[in-house]
Each structure stands twice: as structure tokens, then as C-alpha cells.
Protein backbone atom coordinates (compact mmCIF):
# COMPACT_ATOMS: atom_id res chain seq x y z
CA MET A 1 -3.20 -45.68 -58.62
CA ASN A 2 -2.80 -42.69 -56.35
CA ARG A 3 -5.44 -41.38 -53.99
CA THR A 4 -6.49 -38.34 -56.02
CA SER A 5 -6.92 -40.32 -59.24
CA TYR A 6 -9.07 -42.86 -57.39
CA ILE A 7 -11.33 -40.05 -56.13
CA ALA A 8 -11.43 -38.46 -59.59
CA GLY A 9 -12.54 -41.74 -61.16
CA PHE A 10 -15.36 -42.10 -58.66
CA PHE A 11 -16.45 -38.50 -59.18
CA ASP A 12 -16.35 -38.82 -62.96
CA ALA A 13 -18.51 -41.97 -62.82
CA LYS A 14 -20.78 -41.46 -59.81
CA GLY A 15 -20.55 -37.79 -58.94
CA CYS A 16 -22.28 -34.55 -59.75
CA PHE A 17 -22.04 -30.85 -59.06
CA GLU A 18 -25.22 -28.87 -58.49
CA ARG A 19 -25.47 -25.31 -57.27
CA ASP A 20 -22.77 -25.24 -54.57
CA THR A 21 -22.40 -28.92 -53.66
CA ILE A 22 -20.24 -31.75 -54.95
CA THR A 23 -21.90 -35.14 -54.45
CA ILE A 24 -20.53 -38.65 -54.95
CA THR A 25 -23.11 -41.46 -54.65
CA ASN A 26 -22.75 -45.21 -54.17
CA THR A 27 -24.62 -48.07 -52.49
CA GLU A 28 -21.43 -49.41 -50.87
CA LEU A 29 -20.78 -47.46 -47.68
CA TYR A 30 -17.24 -48.77 -47.17
CA LEU A 31 -16.15 -47.38 -50.56
CA LEU A 32 -17.42 -43.92 -49.67
CA GLN A 33 -15.82 -44.13 -46.22
CA ASN A 34 -12.46 -44.74 -47.91
CA ILE A 35 -13.00 -41.80 -50.25
CA SER A 36 -14.11 -39.61 -47.34
CA LYS A 37 -10.92 -40.41 -45.41
CA ALA A 38 -8.79 -39.70 -48.46
CA LEU A 39 -10.54 -36.35 -48.99
CA SER A 40 -10.01 -35.45 -45.34
CA LYS A 41 -6.30 -36.28 -45.59
CA ILE A 42 -5.89 -33.67 -48.31
CA GLY A 43 -7.89 -31.09 -46.35
CA ILE A 44 -11.28 -31.35 -48.07
CA LYS A 45 -14.08 -31.37 -45.51
CA ASN A 46 -16.94 -33.70 -46.41
CA LYS A 47 -19.93 -35.48 -44.96
CA ILE A 48 -21.46 -38.89 -45.67
CA THR A 49 -25.26 -39.01 -45.69
CA GLU A 50 -27.70 -41.87 -46.19
CA ARG A 51 -30.73 -41.87 -48.41
CA LYS A 52 -33.40 -44.44 -49.08
CA LEU A 53 -34.08 -45.45 -52.64
CA LYS A 54 -37.57 -46.06 -53.92
CA ASN A 55 -38.24 -48.75 -56.52
CA SER A 56 -34.71 -50.10 -56.45
CA LYS A 57 -33.11 -53.44 -55.66
CA HIS A 58 -30.90 -51.57 -53.19
CA LYS A 59 -32.54 -50.30 -50.02
CA LYS A 60 -30.04 -47.56 -49.31
CA ALA A 61 -27.58 -45.33 -51.06
CA TYR A 62 -24.93 -43.09 -49.56
CA ASP A 63 -23.66 -39.68 -50.61
CA ILE A 64 -20.46 -37.84 -49.90
CA LYS A 65 -21.34 -34.16 -49.83
CA ILE A 66 -18.72 -31.43 -50.19
CA TYR A 67 -19.96 -27.95 -49.33
CA HIS A 68 -18.45 -24.48 -49.07
CA ARG A 69 -16.39 -22.60 -51.57
CA SER A 70 -13.03 -23.34 -49.95
CA ASN A 71 -13.60 -27.11 -50.08
CA ILE A 72 -14.84 -26.93 -53.67
CA ASP A 73 -11.70 -24.91 -54.58
CA LYS A 74 -9.52 -27.62 -53.02
CA PHE A 75 -11.43 -30.39 -54.79
CA TYR A 76 -11.00 -28.65 -58.15
CA THR A 77 -7.32 -27.99 -57.46
CA TYR A 78 -6.25 -31.40 -56.13
CA ILE A 79 -8.58 -33.90 -57.83
CA PRO A 80 -7.78 -34.48 -61.54
CA ILE A 81 -11.37 -34.46 -62.86
CA MET A 82 -11.48 -35.89 -66.38
CA HIS A 83 -15.19 -35.42 -67.14
CA ARG A 84 -15.12 -32.20 -69.13
CA GLN A 85 -18.63 -30.94 -68.33
CA LYS A 86 -18.29 -31.59 -64.59
CA ARG A 87 -14.90 -29.87 -64.52
CA HIS A 88 -16.35 -26.93 -66.45
CA ASN A 89 -19.36 -26.61 -64.10
CA ILE A 90 -17.15 -26.48 -61.01
CA LEU A 91 -14.80 -23.93 -62.58
CA LYS A 92 -17.75 -21.76 -63.63
CA TYR A 93 -19.03 -21.81 -60.04
CA ILE A 94 -15.60 -20.83 -58.70
CA VAL A 95 -15.23 -17.97 -61.17
CA ASP A 96 -18.81 -16.70 -60.81
CA SER A 97 -19.14 -16.93 -57.04
CA LYS A 98 -18.45 -13.88 -55.00
CA TYR A 99 -15.91 -14.80 -52.37
CA VAL A 100 -15.87 -12.04 -49.77
CA ILE A 101 -12.82 -11.60 -47.58
CA LYS A 102 -13.72 -10.53 -44.06
CA GLU A 103 -12.39 -7.27 -42.76
CA GLY A 104 -9.22 -7.82 -40.76
CA ALA A 105 -8.28 -11.03 -42.57
CA PHE A 106 -4.95 -9.54 -43.60
CA ALA A 107 -4.08 -8.05 -40.21
CA ASN A 108 -1.62 -10.84 -39.43
CA ILE A 109 0.21 -10.31 -42.73
CA LYS A 110 0.88 -6.66 -41.91
CA ARG A 111 2.33 -7.68 -38.51
CA LEU A 112 4.78 -10.09 -40.16
CA ARG A 113 6.47 -7.36 -42.17
């Protein structure tokens, strides 16, 4: 199994997309550390956070959080998400969000000509 399919399987089973954040949750930190490293290798910035669970047999859970439009674009592009509703929600966010290009961003392109 390749790296992106592994991440996709985890996201399809244990992930969600709300507002502008992709989250993958698990109680096994080492699994999320492996996913985090794989995401970083393909250029997707992410952060692992810890949360305490109430009324659970597990004392802690961990989340991988992926923020920012550029990282969400990369996740959608490189990770083969199979869960139709999750894939749709991310695409809707990408299409609906207003991505503003800063003035001067294309200055280097003009110099290359």
C-alpha cells in the first residue's frame, strides 16, 4: 500500500472536515506520528494535538490538524479520498473560499520573461 492510500484510509475512517480544518483522530499516537511524517513528506503542513476524553476507556486521544487553504488544496489533490461526502465537503470549501493573491505575487514571473 502506498503512503497516500494509507492516509486516505485513515481519513475516510477516522477523519473529518469542518469549516476550514481537516482532522484525523486516533488514540494511538505512534500511528498519527507516522501519518504526520508522511503528510510532511508530500508538503502538507500539519500539527498533532492531544485531547482528553471524558467517559471513555481511553484517557487520551490525538488529532492531526491540517489548516490553511494551501494545505487543504494539497490534501485534496494528493490524497485519494474515497468517502464521497468528505471529498465533496472539502471540494465545496475549496471552490467557495475566496483565495486572495497578494499584490506583487507575480512580480518574479514578469522578470523571468
